[in-house]
């Protein structure tokens, strides 16, 4: 849940705060990386009324899990951002350092291109 009215954006690290996602593979307390944002219709009856959702990847042992065919753990998750809470600044730095070690320097990447339109 975003407490200070700031939107989640790509490369934000969050903790799952909702118990409702457990049936879909995300357990309360797990950490995720926001990979992208997407506006989707809130109701079928009004496609112009939209909500912002985030596409997330699960983080396990400091590594971002990348989906592979046949892998039921490393999946992309489309999540209502109210189910997530940003990690502390210190934890965010730790996870960014791990992300940089895993994939290269993420701070040099164009974040705007990661947003799904």
N, C-alpha and C. Protein backbone atom coordinates (compact mmCIF):
# COMPACT_ATOMS: atom_id res chain seq x y z
N UNK A 1 0.85 -1.16 0.00
CA UNK A 1 0.00 0.00 0.00
C UNK A 1 0.90 1.23 0.00
N UNK A 2 0.59 2.16 -0.85
CA UNK A 2 1.37 3.38 -0.95
C UNK A 2 0.83 4.37 0.06
N UNK A 3 1.63 4.67 1.07
CA UNK A 3 1.16 5.50 2.18
C UNK A 3 1.29 7.00 1.92
N UNK A 4 2.25 7.39 1.09
CA UNK A 4 2.50 8.83 0.92
C UNK A 4 2.01 9.37 -0.42
N UNK A 5 1.04 8.68 -1.03
CA UNK A 5 0.43 9.11 -2.29
C UNK A 5 1.40 9.16 -3.46
N UNK A 6 2.51 8.43 -3.39
CA UNK A 6 3.40 8.33 -4.54
C UNK A 6 3.09 7.02 -5.26
N UNK A 7 3.13 7.07 -6.57
CA UNK A 7 2.85 5.89 -7.35
C UNK A 7 4.06 4.96 -7.38
N UNK A 8 3.79 3.68 -7.42
CA UNK A 8 4.86 2.72 -7.63
C UNK A 8 5.31 2.84 -9.08
N UNK A 9 6.59 2.62 -9.31
CA UNK A 9 7.14 2.74 -10.65
C UNK A 9 8.12 1.60 -10.90
N UNK A 10 8.47 1.37 -12.17
CA UNK A 10 9.44 0.32 -12.46
C UNK A 10 10.73 0.50 -11.66
N UNK A 11 11.29 -0.61 -11.24
CA UNK A 11 12.50 -0.72 -10.41
C UNK A 11 12.27 -0.34 -8.95
N UNK A 12 11.01 -0.24 -8.52
CA UNK A 12 10.72 -0.12 -7.09
C UNK A 12 10.69 -1.52 -6.50
N UNK A 13 11.19 -1.65 -5.28
CA UNK A 13 11.14 -2.91 -4.57
C UNK A 13 10.05 -2.82 -3.52
N UNK A 14 9.23 -3.87 -3.42
CA UNK A 14 8.08 -3.84 -2.52
C UNK A 14 7.96 -5.15 -1.76
N UNK A 15 7.18 -5.07 -0.69
CA UNK A 15 6.80 -6.24 0.08
C UNK A 15 5.31 -6.48 -0.12
N UNK A 16 4.93 -7.73 -0.25
CA UNK A 16 3.51 -8.08 -0.39
C UNK A 16 2.87 -7.93 0.99
N UNK A 17 1.81 -7.13 1.08
CA UNK A 17 1.14 -6.90 2.36
C UNK A 17 -0.25 -7.54 2.41
N UNK A 18 -0.71 -8.08 1.30
CA UNK A 18 -2.05 -8.67 1.24
C UNK A 18 -1.98 -10.19 1.35
N UNK A 19 -2.92 -10.75 2.10
CA UNK A 19 -3.03 -12.21 2.19
C UNK A 19 -3.79 -12.78 1.00
N UNK A 20 -4.49 -11.92 0.25
CA UNK A 20 -5.34 -12.36 -0.85
C UNK A 20 -4.56 -12.93 -2.03
N UNK A 21 -3.28 -12.67 -2.12
CA UNK A 21 -2.49 -13.11 -3.27
C UNK A 21 -1.87 -14.48 -3.08
N UNK A 22 -2.02 -15.08 -1.90
CA UNK A 22 -1.39 -16.37 -1.60
C UNK A 22 -1.85 -17.47 -2.56
N UNK A 23 -3.11 -17.45 -2.93
CA UNK A 23 -3.62 -18.46 -3.86
C UNK A 23 -3.03 -18.32 -5.25
N UNK A 24 -2.46 -17.17 -5.54
CA UNK A 24 -1.88 -16.91 -6.85
C UNK A 24 -0.36 -16.99 -6.86
N UNK A 25 0.24 -17.32 -5.73
CA UNK A 25 1.68 -17.53 -5.68
C UNK A 25 2.49 -16.46 -4.97
N UNK A 26 1.86 -15.42 -4.47
CA UNK A 26 2.57 -14.39 -3.72
C UNK A 26 2.08 -14.40 -2.27
N UNK A 27 2.99 -14.67 -1.37
CA UNK A 27 2.66 -14.78 0.04
C UNK A 27 3.00 -13.48 0.75
N UNK A 28 2.17 -13.12 1.72
CA UNK A 28 2.41 -11.91 2.51
C UNK A 28 3.83 -11.96 3.07
N UNK A 29 4.56 -10.86 2.91
CA UNK A 29 5.93 -10.77 3.40
C UNK A 29 6.99 -10.99 2.33
N UNK A 30 6.60 -11.58 1.19
CA UNK A 30 7.57 -11.79 0.12
C UNK A 30 7.91 -10.46 -0.54
N UNK A 31 9.11 -10.39 -1.10
CA UNK A 31 9.54 -9.18 -1.79
C UNK A 31 9.40 -9.36 -3.29
N UNK A 32 9.08 -8.25 -3.96
CA UNK A 32 8.93 -8.25 -5.41
C UNK A 32 9.61 -7.02 -6.00
N UNK A 33 9.93 -7.13 -7.28
CA UNK A 33 10.45 -6.01 -8.05
C UNK A 33 9.36 -5.57 -9.01
N UNK A 34 9.02 -4.29 -8.99
CA UNK A 34 8.04 -3.77 -9.94
C UNK A 34 8.76 -3.64 -11.28
N UNK A 35 8.27 -4.40 -12.28
CA UNK A 35 8.89 -4.40 -13.60
C UNK A 35 8.23 -3.39 -14.53
N UNK A 36 6.93 -3.16 -14.35
CA UNK A 36 6.21 -2.25 -15.24
C UNK A 36 4.89 -1.86 -14.60
N UNK A 37 4.25 -0.85 -15.19
CA UNK A 37 2.91 -0.46 -14.76
C UNK A 37 1.99 -0.56 -15.96
N UNK A 38 0.71 -0.75 -15.68
CA UNK A 38 -0.26 -0.89 -16.77
C UNK A 38 -1.62 -0.39 -16.32
N UNK A 39 -2.26 0.41 -17.14
CA UNK A 39 -3.62 0.86 -16.87
C UNK A 39 -4.58 -0.14 -17.51
N UNK A 40 -5.53 -0.63 -16.72
CA UNK A 40 -6.52 -1.59 -17.20
C UNK A 40 -7.90 -1.12 -16.79
N UNK A 41 -8.92 -1.47 -17.59
CA UNK A 41 -10.29 -1.07 -17.24
C UNK A 41 -10.69 -1.62 -15.87
N UNK A 42 -11.31 -0.77 -15.08
CA UNK A 42 -11.78 -1.19 -13.76
C UNK A 42 -13.05 -2.03 -13.87
N UNK A 43 -13.86 -1.74 -14.90
CA UNK A 43 -15.11 -2.47 -15.11
C UNK A 43 -15.27 -2.77 -16.60
N UNK A 44 -15.88 -3.90 -16.89
CA UNK A 44 -16.17 -4.22 -18.28
C UNK A 44 -17.16 -3.23 -18.88
N UNK A 45 -18.07 -2.74 -18.06
CA UNK A 45 -19.11 -1.84 -18.55
C UNK A 45 -18.59 -0.44 -18.90
N UNK A 46 -17.42 -0.07 -18.37
CA UNK A 46 -16.86 1.25 -18.65
C UNK A 46 -15.35 1.11 -18.89
N UNK A 47 -14.97 0.85 -20.14
CA UNK A 47 -13.54 0.65 -20.42
C UNK A 47 -12.68 1.91 -20.24
N UNK A 48 -13.33 3.06 -20.09
CA UNK A 48 -12.57 4.31 -19.92
C UNK A 48 -12.24 4.60 -18.46
N UNK A 49 -12.92 3.91 -17.55
CA UNK A 49 -12.58 4.02 -16.14
C UNK A 49 -11.46 3.00 -15.88
N UNK A 50 -10.28 3.49 -15.58
CA UNK A 50 -9.12 2.60 -15.48
C UNK A 50 -8.42 2.71 -14.14
N UNK A 51 -7.74 1.62 -13.79
CA UNK A 51 -6.89 1.55 -12.60
C UNK A 51 -5.49 1.20 -13.06
N UNK A 52 -4.52 1.63 -12.29
CA UNK A 52 -3.13 1.29 -12.57
C UNK A 52 -2.80 0.00 -11.81
N UNK A 53 -2.23 -0.96 -12.52
CA UNK A 53 -1.75 -2.20 -11.92
C UNK A 53 -0.25 -2.28 -12.17
N UNK A 54 0.45 -3.09 -11.40
CA UNK A 54 1.89 -3.26 -11.57
C UNK A 54 2.20 -4.70 -11.94
N UNK A 55 3.17 -4.85 -12.80
CA UNK A 55 3.69 -6.16 -13.17
C UNK A 55 4.92 -6.40 -12.32
N UNK A 56 4.93 -7.50 -11.56
CA UNK A 56 6.00 -7.75 -10.59
C UNK A 56 6.69 -9.08 -10.87
N UNK A 57 7.92 -9.15 -10.40
CA UNK A 57 8.68 -10.39 -10.36
C UNK A 57 9.05 -10.66 -8.91
N UNK A 58 8.92 -11.92 -8.52
CA UNK A 58 9.25 -12.32 -7.15
C UNK A 58 10.77 -12.28 -6.94
N UNK A 59 11.18 -11.94 -5.73
CA UNK A 59 12.59 -11.95 -5.34
C UNK A 59 12.76 -13.05 -4.31
N UNK A 60 13.69 -13.97 -4.59
CA UNK A 60 13.99 -15.07 -3.67
C UNK A 60 15.49 -15.08 -3.42
N UNK A 61 15.88 -15.05 -2.15
CA UNK A 61 17.29 -15.03 -1.76
C UNK A 61 18.07 -13.92 -2.48
N UNK A 62 17.42 -12.75 -2.61
CA UNK A 62 18.08 -11.60 -3.21
C UNK A 62 18.15 -11.62 -4.73
N UNK A 63 17.59 -12.65 -5.37
CA UNK A 63 17.62 -12.73 -6.83
C UNK A 63 16.22 -12.56 -7.40
N UNK A 64 16.13 -11.76 -8.47
CA UNK A 64 14.87 -11.59 -9.17
C UNK A 64 14.64 -12.83 -10.02
N UNK A 65 13.50 -13.46 -9.84
CA UNK A 65 13.18 -14.65 -10.61
C UNK A 65 12.63 -14.23 -11.97
N UNK A 66 13.22 -14.75 -13.01
CA UNK A 66 12.82 -14.45 -14.38
C UNK A 66 12.01 -15.63 -14.91
N UNK A 67 10.82 -15.37 -15.46
CA UNK A 67 9.97 -16.46 -15.95
C UNK A 67 10.62 -17.26 -17.08
N UNK A 68 10.49 -18.57 -16.97
CA UNK A 68 10.94 -19.49 -18.01
C UNK A 68 9.80 -20.45 -18.28
N UNK A 69 9.76 -20.97 -19.47
CA UNK A 69 8.69 -21.91 -19.83
C UNK A 69 8.71 -23.11 -18.89
N UNK A 70 7.55 -23.45 -18.35
CA UNK A 70 7.43 -24.59 -17.46
C UNK A 70 7.79 -24.32 -16.02
N UNK A 71 8.17 -23.10 -15.69
CA UNK A 71 8.54 -22.74 -14.32
C UNK A 71 7.32 -22.13 -13.63
N UNK A 72 6.84 -22.79 -12.57
CA UNK A 72 5.66 -22.30 -11.87
C UNK A 72 5.98 -21.32 -10.75
N UNK A 73 7.26 -21.13 -10.44
CA UNK A 73 7.64 -20.22 -9.36
C UNK A 73 8.02 -18.85 -9.91
N UNK A 74 8.87 -18.85 -10.94
CA UNK A 74 9.32 -17.59 -11.53
C UNK A 74 8.29 -17.14 -12.55
N UNK A 75 7.32 -16.36 -12.09
CA UNK A 75 6.26 -15.88 -12.97
C UNK A 75 6.18 -14.37 -12.86
N UNK A 76 5.55 -13.76 -13.85
CA UNK A 76 5.19 -12.35 -13.73
C UNK A 76 3.83 -12.30 -13.04
N UNK A 77 3.66 -11.34 -12.17
CA UNK A 77 2.40 -11.20 -11.44
C UNK A 77 1.82 -9.83 -11.72
N UNK A 78 0.57 -9.78 -12.14
CA UNK A 78 -0.15 -8.53 -12.32
C UNK A 78 -0.89 -8.26 -11.02
N UNK A 79 -0.51 -7.18 -10.32
CA UNK A 79 -0.94 -6.96 -8.94
C UNK A 79 -1.53 -5.58 -8.78
N UNK A 80 -2.58 -5.50 -7.99
CA UNK A 80 -3.12 -4.22 -7.56
C UNK A 80 -2.09 -3.60 -6.61
N UNK A 81 -1.62 -2.39 -6.88
CA UNK A 81 -0.58 -1.81 -6.03
C UNK A 81 -0.98 -1.62 -4.57
N UNK A 82 -2.28 -1.67 -4.28
CA UNK A 82 -2.70 -1.58 -2.87
C UNK A 82 -2.26 -2.80 -2.07
N UNK A 83 -1.85 -3.87 -2.77
CA UNK A 83 -1.39 -5.09 -2.12
C UNK A 83 0.10 -5.07 -1.83
N UNK A 84 0.75 -3.97 -2.18
CA UNK A 84 2.20 -3.86 -2.02
C UNK A 84 2.57 -2.65 -1.18
N UNK A 85 3.72 -2.73 -0.56
CA UNK A 85 4.28 -1.61 0.20
C UNK A 85 5.76 -1.51 -0.13
N UNK A 86 6.22 -0.30 -0.42
CA UNK A 86 7.64 -0.11 -0.73
C UNK A 86 8.49 -0.54 0.45
N UNK A 87 9.65 -1.15 0.15
CA UNK A 87 10.57 -1.53 1.21
C UNK A 87 11.27 -0.27 1.72
N UNK A 88 11.95 -0.39 2.84
CA UNK A 88 12.69 0.75 3.39
C UNK A 88 13.79 1.15 2.43
N UNK A 89 14.28 2.36 2.59
CA UNK A 89 15.35 2.85 1.71
C UNK A 89 16.60 1.97 1.83
N UNK A 90 16.92 1.55 3.05
CA UNK A 90 18.10 0.70 3.26
C UNK A 90 17.94 -0.64 2.55
N UNK A 91 16.76 -1.25 2.69
CA UNK A 91 16.51 -2.55 2.03
C UNK A 91 16.49 -2.36 0.51
N UNK A 92 15.97 -1.25 0.05
CA UNK A 92 15.96 -0.97 -1.38
C UNK A 92 17.37 -0.90 -1.95
N UNK A 93 18.29 -0.29 -1.21
CA UNK A 93 19.69 -0.22 -1.65
C UNK A 93 20.30 -1.61 -1.70
N UNK A 94 20.01 -2.44 -0.69
CA UNK A 94 20.52 -3.83 -0.68
C UNK A 94 20.01 -4.60 -1.90
N UNK A 95 18.71 -4.47 -2.18
CA UNK A 95 18.13 -5.20 -3.31
C UNK A 95 18.63 -4.66 -4.65
N UNK A 96 18.84 -3.35 -4.75
CA UNK A 96 19.37 -2.77 -5.98
C UNK A 96 20.80 -3.24 -6.23
N UNK A 97 21.58 -3.35 -5.16
CA UNK A 97 22.94 -3.87 -5.27
C UNK A 97 22.91 -5.30 -5.78
N UNK A 98 22.01 -6.11 -5.23
CA UNK A 98 21.87 -7.50 -5.69
C UNK A 98 21.39 -7.56 -7.14
N UNK A 99 20.48 -6.67 -7.51
CA UNK A 99 19.98 -6.61 -8.89
C UNK A 99 21.12 -6.25 -9.84
N UNK A 100 21.94 -5.28 -9.45
CA UNK A 100 23.08 -4.89 -10.27
C UNK A 100 24.07 -6.05 -10.43
N UNK A 101 24.29 -6.81 -9.37
CA UNK A 101 25.18 -7.97 -9.45
C UNK A 101 24.59 -9.04 -10.37
N UNK A 102 23.28 -9.17 -10.37
CA UNK A 102 22.61 -10.20 -11.16
C UNK A 102 22.54 -9.82 -12.65
N UNK A 103 22.26 -8.56 -12.96
CA UNK A 103 22.00 -8.16 -14.34
C UNK A 103 22.89 -7.04 -14.88
N UNK A 104 23.72 -6.45 -14.07
CA UNK A 104 24.45 -5.27 -14.51
C UNK A 104 23.86 -4.06 -13.82
N UNK A 105 24.33 -2.90 -14.13
CA UNK A 105 23.93 -1.69 -13.43
C UNK A 105 22.53 -1.23 -13.85
N UNK A 106 21.53 -1.47 -13.02
CA UNK A 106 20.14 -1.12 -13.33
C UNK A 106 19.92 0.39 -13.36
N UNK A 107 20.73 1.16 -12.64
CA UNK A 107 20.54 2.60 -12.62
C UNK A 107 20.84 3.24 -13.97
N UNK A 108 21.63 2.58 -14.81
CA UNK A 108 21.97 3.12 -16.12
C UNK A 108 20.89 2.83 -17.17
N UNK A 109 19.92 2.01 -16.84
CA UNK A 109 18.88 1.61 -17.79
C UNK A 109 17.80 2.68 -17.87
N UNK A 110 17.14 2.74 -19.01
CA UNK A 110 16.01 3.66 -19.20
C UNK A 110 14.78 3.05 -18.55
N UNK A 111 14.34 3.61 -17.44
CA UNK A 111 13.20 3.08 -16.71
C UNK A 111 11.91 3.36 -17.46
N UNK A 112 11.81 4.49 -18.14
CA UNK A 112 10.58 4.85 -18.84
C UNK A 112 10.19 3.82 -19.87
N UNK A 113 11.15 3.15 -20.51
CA UNK A 113 10.86 2.15 -21.52
C UNK A 113 10.23 0.89 -20.93
N UNK A 114 10.31 0.72 -19.62
CA UNK A 114 9.78 -0.49 -18.99
C UNK A 114 8.28 -0.40 -18.76
N UNK A 115 7.69 0.76 -18.90
CA UNK A 115 6.27 0.92 -18.69
C UNK A 115 5.51 0.40 -19.89
N UNK A 116 4.54 -0.48 -19.63
CA UNK A 116 3.73 -1.06 -20.71
C UNK A 116 2.66 -0.06 -21.09
N UNK A 117 2.48 0.17 -22.33
CA UNK A 117 1.42 1.07 -22.80
C UNK A 117 0.28 0.29 -23.40
